[in-house]
Amino acid sequence: MYGEREIEAGSLICFPNPNINRDYEISIDFPEFTCKCPFSGYPDFATLKIKYQPNTKVIELKAIKLYLNSFREKKISHEEVTNKIIDDFVEVSDPKWMQLEADFNPRGNVHTIIRVCHGKRKNLDLIL
């Protein structure tokens, strides 16, 4: 299937920040993240919320989608996968600041939310 081939071949790629002289923030929601519990093998589902202030590079959206879908069959804990994702994003894009929130669906009556950060967030005084 072509989707599986795209996921296997995918890698995180960036393009030059088109507004290097402006501080701004990018927010990306990924509502269908899936990985597998390393202990039971059952699937874990989460909504990922990525926010970052780019430096010289911006991560390409399709590359993010393919990268995140590559975890679908991996046995990895909530804590490990959240930290791995932000580490990989930081390595490829070197943002000024980045935050990742992984909000996992409850399983066994336990709801887990993991938040990790990189760098220092610049207050942009955004009114939203």
Protein backbone atom coordinates (compact mmCIF):
# COMPACT_ATOMS: atom_id res chain seq x y z
CA MET A 1 0.00 0.00 0.00
CA TYR A 2 1.30 3.42 -0.93
CA GLY A 3 0.54 4.97 2.50
CA GLU A 4 2.69 2.42 4.30
CA ARG A 5 5.52 2.98 1.82
CA GLU A 6 5.32 6.74 2.34
CA ILE A 7 5.45 6.31 6.12
CA GLU A 8 8.47 3.97 5.90
CA ALA A 9 10.34 6.30 3.53
CA GLY A 10 9.38 9.47 5.38
CA SER A 11 11.76 11.62 7.36
CA LEU A 12 11.49 14.96 9.09
CA ILE A 13 12.43 17.69 6.67
CA CYS A 14 12.51 21.45 7.06
CA PHE A 15 12.47 24.49 4.86
CA PRO A 16 13.94 27.94 5.51
CA ASN A 17 11.89 30.16 7.80
CA PRO A 18 10.23 32.65 5.41
CA ASN A 19 10.01 35.32 8.14
CA ILE A 20 13.29 35.02 9.99
CA ASN A 21 13.09 38.61 11.31
CA ARG A 22 9.69 38.11 12.96
CA ASP A 23 8.97 36.18 16.14
CA TYR A 24 5.90 34.01 15.69
CA GLU A 25 4.45 30.76 16.95
CA ILE A 26 3.28 27.68 15.05
CA SER A 27 0.63 25.37 16.55
CA ILE A 28 -0.04 21.90 15.16
CA ASP A 29 -2.65 19.45 16.45
CA PHE A 30 -2.43 15.77 15.58
CA PRO A 31 -5.63 14.11 16.87
CA GLU A 32 -4.96 10.55 15.71
CA PHE A 33 -1.58 9.59 17.17
CA THR A 34 -1.18 5.87 17.84
CA CYS A 35 1.53 3.69 19.34
CA LYS A 36 1.46 0.42 21.30
CA CYS A 37 1.88 -0.21 25.01
CA PRO A 38 5.27 -1.91 25.53
CA PHE A 39 3.81 -4.06 28.32
CA SER A 40 0.44 -5.23 26.97
CA GLY A 41 0.79 -4.61 23.24
CA TYR A 42 -2.58 -2.84 23.25
CA PRO A 43 -2.87 0.33 21.15
CA ASP A 44 -2.57 3.72 22.83
CA PHE A 45 -4.30 6.71 21.25
CA ALA A 46 -3.44 10.35 21.85
CA THR A 47 -3.93 13.87 20.65
CA LEU A 48 -0.60 15.61 20.19
CA LYS A 49 -0.36 19.39 20.44
CA ILE A 50 2.86 20.87 19.14
CA LYS A 51 3.71 24.55 19.60
CA TYR A 52 6.96 26.13 18.59
CA GLN A 53 8.70 29.37 17.77
CA PRO A 54 10.90 28.68 14.75
CA ASN A 55 14.46 29.85 14.43
CA THR A 56 15.92 29.48 10.93
CA LYS A 57 13.88 26.41 9.90
CA VAL A 58 10.24 25.31 9.80
CA ILE A 59 9.23 21.64 9.84
CA GLU A 60 7.24 20.58 6.77
CA LEU A 61 3.70 19.45 7.69
CA LYS A 62 3.49 16.31 5.54
CA ALA A 63 6.82 15.19 7.00
CA ILE A 64 5.37 15.63 10.50
CA LYS A 65 2.33 13.55 9.57
CA LEU A 66 4.40 10.71 8.12
CA TYR A 67 6.88 10.78 11.03
CA LEU A 68 4.11 10.62 13.65
CA ASN A 69 2.32 7.82 11.79
CA SER A 70 5.55 5.78 11.92
CA PHE A 71 4.87 5.08 15.62
CA ARG A 72 1.64 3.21 14.88
CA GLU A 73 3.14 -0.27 15.37
CA LYS A 74 5.96 0.64 17.80
CA LYS A 75 5.87 -0.59 21.38
CA ILE A 76 6.87 2.49 23.37
CA SER A 77 5.73 4.10 26.62
CA HIS A 78 3.87 7.40 26.78
CA GLU A 79 6.84 9.06 28.46
CA GLU A 80 9.43 7.71 26.05
CA VAL A 81 7.51 8.51 22.87
CA THR A 82 6.72 12.08 23.95
CA ASN A 83 10.38 12.78 24.74
CA LYS A 84 11.59 11.07 21.55
CA ILE A 85 9.28 13.14 19.37
CA ILE A 86 10.37 16.48 20.82
CA ASP A 87 14.04 15.41 20.71
CA ASP A 88 13.73 14.52 17.01
CA PHE A 89 11.87 17.75 16.19
CA VAL A 90 14.47 19.85 18.04
CA GLU A 91 17.35 18.02 16.36
CA VAL A 92 16.04 18.69 12.86
CA SER A 93 14.66 22.24 13.31
CA ASP A 94 16.59 23.90 16.19
CA PRO A 95 13.60 26.01 17.30
CA LYS A 96 13.83 28.96 19.67
CA TRP A 97 11.20 27.24 21.80
CA MET A 98 9.06 24.11 21.49
CA GLN A 99 6.41 22.39 23.57
CA LEU A 100 4.73 19.05 22.99
CA GLU A 101 1.64 17.91 24.86
CA ALA A 102 0.60 14.27 24.47
CA ASP A 103 -2.94 13.74 25.76
CA PHE A 104 -3.49 9.97 25.82
CA ASN A 105 -7.00 8.53 25.83
CA PRO A 106 -7.95 6.94 29.15
CA ARG A 107 -7.29 3.23 29.46
CA GLY A 108 -8.10 1.28 32.61
CA ASN A 109 -9.67 4.44 34.04
CA VAL A 110 -6.30 6.28 33.91
CA HIS A 111 -5.86 9.45 31.86
CA THR A 112 -2.27 10.50 31.11
CA ILE A 113 -1.08 13.86 29.79
CA ILE A 114 2.63 14.40 29.21
CA ARG A 115 4.11 17.84 28.49
CA VAL A 116 7.71 18.45 27.49
CA CYS A 117 9.47 21.68 26.59
CA HIS A 118 12.65 22.83 24.91
CA GLY A 119 14.12 26.32 25.19
CA LYS A 120 12.59 29.48 26.59
CA ARG A 121 9.32 30.79 25.20
CA LYS A 122 9.29 34.41 24.09
CA ASN A 123 6.11 36.22 25.07
CA LEU A 124 4.59 37.41 21.81
CA ASP A 125 1.64 39.25 23.39
CA LEU A 126 -0.70 37.49 21.00
CA ILE A 127 -4.40 38.15 21.39
CA LEU A 128 -6.35 35.12 20.27
